[in-house]
Amino acid sequence: MEPLYVPAGHMSARQAADTLGITLGGVRQLVARGQLARAGGSPRQPWYDTDDVLAILATRVAA
C-alpha cells in the first residue's frame, strides 16, 4: 500500500525498491547496513531521500 503523501524530493519504500530493482526486504537491508537512511515518514511507511536512492543506483550501474 502506497503512503497517502510523500513529499517532493523523497520516495516511498516501494518507489525506492522499484528504482533500485530490489524487493522491500532489500531496502530494509540497505537501511540495516547503514547504506540508506530514512528521511521521514513513519516506521511503517518511511520516506527516503531521492538523491540517496539515486546515488546507490549510480554505484550499482557503475559497478
N, C-alpha and C. Protein backbone atom coordinates (compact mmCIF):
# COMPACT_ATOMS: atom_id res chain seq x y z
N MET A 1 0.84 -1.18 0.00
CA MET A 1 0.00 0.00 0.00
C MET A 1 0.88 1.24 0.00
N GLU A 2 0.68 2.14 -0.92
CA GLU A 2 1.43 3.37 -1.03
C GLU A 2 1.00 4.35 0.04
N PRO A 3 1.93 5.11 0.58
CA PRO A 3 1.54 6.15 1.53
C PRO A 3 0.66 7.18 0.84
N LEU A 4 -0.16 7.85 1.62
CA LEU A 4 -1.04 8.86 1.05
C LEU A 4 -0.25 10.07 0.58
N TYR A 5 0.86 10.36 1.22
CA TYR A 5 1.63 11.54 0.89
C TYR A 5 3.13 11.26 1.04
N VAL A 6 3.87 11.55 -0.01
CA VAL A 6 5.32 11.51 0.05
C VAL A 6 5.79 12.87 -0.45
N PRO A 7 6.53 13.62 0.37
CA PRO A 7 6.92 14.97 -0.03
C PRO A 7 7.86 14.98 -1.23
N ALA A 8 7.89 16.08 -1.93
CA ALA A 8 8.78 16.24 -3.08
C ALA A 8 10.22 15.98 -2.64
N GLY A 9 10.96 15.32 -3.51
CA GLY A 9 12.36 15.02 -3.19
C GLY A 9 12.55 13.76 -2.37
N HIS A 10 11.47 13.02 -2.15
CA HIS A 10 11.52 11.79 -1.37
C HIS A 10 10.83 10.67 -2.13
N MET A 11 11.10 9.44 -1.72
CA MET A 11 10.47 8.25 -2.29
C MET A 11 9.92 7.39 -1.17
N SER A 12 8.85 6.70 -1.47
CA SER A 12 8.36 5.68 -0.54
C SER A 12 9.30 4.47 -0.64
N ALA A 13 9.15 3.55 0.28
CA ALA A 13 9.96 2.33 0.24
C ALA A 13 9.70 1.56 -1.05
N ARG A 14 8.47 1.49 -1.49
CA ARG A 14 8.12 0.79 -2.73
C ARG A 14 8.78 1.48 -3.93
N GLN A 15 8.73 2.80 -3.98
CA GLN A 15 9.35 3.53 -5.08
C GLN A 15 10.87 3.32 -5.08
N ALA A 16 11.48 3.33 -3.90
CA ALA A 16 12.92 3.10 -3.80
C ALA A 16 13.26 1.69 -4.28
N ALA A 17 12.48 0.72 -3.86
CA ALA A 17 12.71 -0.66 -4.27
C ALA A 17 12.59 -0.80 -5.79
N ASP A 18 11.56 -0.21 -6.35
CA ASP A 18 11.36 -0.29 -7.79
C ASP A 18 12.49 0.40 -8.55
N THR A 19 12.93 1.53 -8.05
CA THR A 19 14.03 2.27 -8.69
C THR A 19 15.31 1.46 -8.68
N LEU A 20 15.58 0.78 -7.57
CA LEU A 20 16.82 0.01 -7.43
C LEU A 20 16.70 -1.41 -7.99
N GLY A 21 15.49 -1.81 -8.34
CA GLY A 21 15.29 -3.16 -8.86
C GLY A 21 15.44 -4.23 -7.80
N ILE A 22 15.04 -3.91 -6.58
CA ILE A 22 15.15 -4.85 -5.46
C ILE A 22 13.79 -4.97 -4.77
N THR A 23 13.72 -5.83 -3.78
CA THR A 23 12.49 -6.02 -3.03
C THR A 23 12.44 -5.04 -1.85
N LEU A 24 11.30 -4.99 -1.19
CA LEU A 24 11.19 -4.17 0.03
C LEU A 24 12.16 -4.68 1.10
N GLY A 25 12.36 -5.98 1.13
CA GLY A 25 13.34 -6.56 2.06
C GLY A 25 14.75 -6.07 1.75
N GLY A 26 15.04 -5.89 0.48
CA GLY A 26 16.34 -5.35 0.08
C GLY A 26 16.52 -3.92 0.56
N VAL A 27 15.45 -3.13 0.50
CA VAL A 27 15.51 -1.76 1.02
C VAL A 27 15.78 -1.80 2.52
N ARG A 28 15.08 -2.69 3.23
CA ARG A 28 15.31 -2.81 4.68
C ARG A 28 16.75 -3.21 4.98
N GLN A 29 17.33 -4.06 4.14
CA GLN A 29 18.72 -4.47 4.33
C GLN A 29 19.67 -3.29 4.12
N LEU A 30 19.40 -2.45 3.13
CA LEU A 30 20.22 -1.26 2.91
C LEU A 30 20.18 -0.35 4.14
N VAL A 31 19.00 -0.22 4.73
CA VAL A 31 18.86 0.60 5.93
C VAL A 31 19.62 -0.04 7.09
N ALA A 32 19.49 -1.34 7.26
CA ALA A 32 20.15 -2.04 8.36
C ALA A 32 21.68 -1.96 8.24
N ARG A 33 22.19 -1.94 7.01
CA ARG A 33 23.64 -1.85 6.77
C ARG A 33 24.16 -0.42 6.83
N GLY A 34 23.25 0.54 6.98
CA GLY A 34 23.66 1.93 7.04
C GLY A 34 23.93 2.56 5.69
N GLN A 35 23.52 1.90 4.61
CA GLN A 35 23.74 2.43 3.27
C GLN A 35 22.63 3.37 2.82
N LEU A 36 21.49 3.33 3.49
CA LEU A 36 20.36 4.18 3.17
C LEU A 36 19.70 4.58 4.48
N ALA A 37 19.41 5.86 4.60
CA ALA A 37 18.80 6.36 5.84
C ALA A 37 17.39 6.83 5.57
N ARG A 38 16.53 6.59 6.52
CA ARG A 38 15.17 7.10 6.43
C ARG A 38 15.20 8.62 6.53
N ALA A 39 14.36 9.27 5.76
CA ALA A 39 14.34 10.73 5.75
C ALA A 39 13.01 11.27 6.25
N GLY A 40 12.19 10.42 6.84
CA GLY A 40 10.89 10.85 7.35
C GLY A 40 9.87 9.76 7.22
N GLY A 41 8.63 10.15 7.31
CA GLY A 41 7.53 9.19 7.26
C GLY A 41 7.28 8.59 8.62
N SER A 42 6.78 7.37 8.61
CA SER A 42 6.51 6.66 9.85
C SER A 42 7.27 5.34 9.83
N PRO A 43 7.34 4.65 10.97
CA PRO A 43 8.04 3.37 10.97
C PRO A 43 7.48 2.38 9.94
N ARG A 44 6.18 2.44 9.70
CA ARG A 44 5.57 1.51 8.74
C ARG A 44 5.59 2.02 7.31
N GLN A 45 5.72 3.33 7.14
CA GLN A 45 5.75 3.90 5.80
C GLN A 45 6.84 4.98 5.73
N PRO A 46 8.11 4.53 5.70
CA PRO A 46 9.20 5.50 5.69
C PRO A 46 9.37 6.16 4.32
N TRP A 47 10.02 7.31 4.35
CA TRP A 47 10.41 8.00 3.12
C TRP A 47 11.92 7.98 3.05
N TYR A 48 12.43 7.99 1.83
CA TYR A 48 13.87 8.03 1.60
C TYR A 48 14.17 9.20 0.68
N ASP A 49 15.29 9.86 0.91
CA ASP A 49 15.69 10.98 0.08
C ASP A 49 15.99 10.46 -1.33
N THR A 50 15.40 11.08 -2.33
CA THR A 50 15.57 10.66 -3.72
C THR A 50 17.04 10.67 -4.12
N ASP A 51 17.79 11.68 -3.71
CA ASP A 51 19.21 11.76 -4.06
C ASP A 51 19.99 10.59 -3.49
N ASP A 52 19.65 10.14 -2.28
CA ASP A 52 20.33 8.99 -1.67
C ASP A 52 20.05 7.71 -2.47
N VAL A 53 18.80 7.53 -2.88
CA VAL A 53 18.44 6.34 -3.65
C VAL A 53 19.15 6.37 -5.00
N LEU A 54 19.16 7.52 -5.66
CA LEU A 54 19.82 7.62 -6.96
C LEU A 54 21.33 7.44 -6.86
N ALA A 55 21.93 7.85 -5.74
CA ALA A 55 23.36 7.64 -5.54
C ALA A 55 23.68 6.15 -5.44
N ILE A 56 22.82 5.40 -4.76
CA ILE A 56 23.01 3.95 -4.68
C ILE A 56 22.85 3.33 -6.05
N LEU A 57 21.85 3.79 -6.80
CA LEU A 57 21.64 3.29 -8.15
C LEU A 57 22.86 3.57 -9.03
N ALA A 58 23.44 4.75 -8.91
CA ALA A 58 24.61 5.11 -9.72
C ALA A 58 25.79 4.20 -9.42
N THR A 59 25.99 3.84 -8.15
CA THR A 59 27.12 2.95 -7.82
C THR A 59 26.87 1.55 -8.34
N ARG A 60 25.62 1.14 -8.40
CA ARG A 60 25.30 -0.19 -8.93
C ARG A 60 25.46 -0.24 -10.44
N VAL A 61 25.12 0.84 -11.12
CA VAL A 61 25.24 0.90 -12.57
C VAL A 61 26.72 0.96 -12.96
N ALA A 62 27.51 1.70 -12.17
CA ALA A 62 28.92 1.87 -12.46
C ALA A 62 29.73 0.58 -12.21
N ALA A 63 29.23 -0.26 -11.33
CA ALA A 63 29.98 -1.48 -10.96
C ALA A 63 29.90 -2.56 -12.00
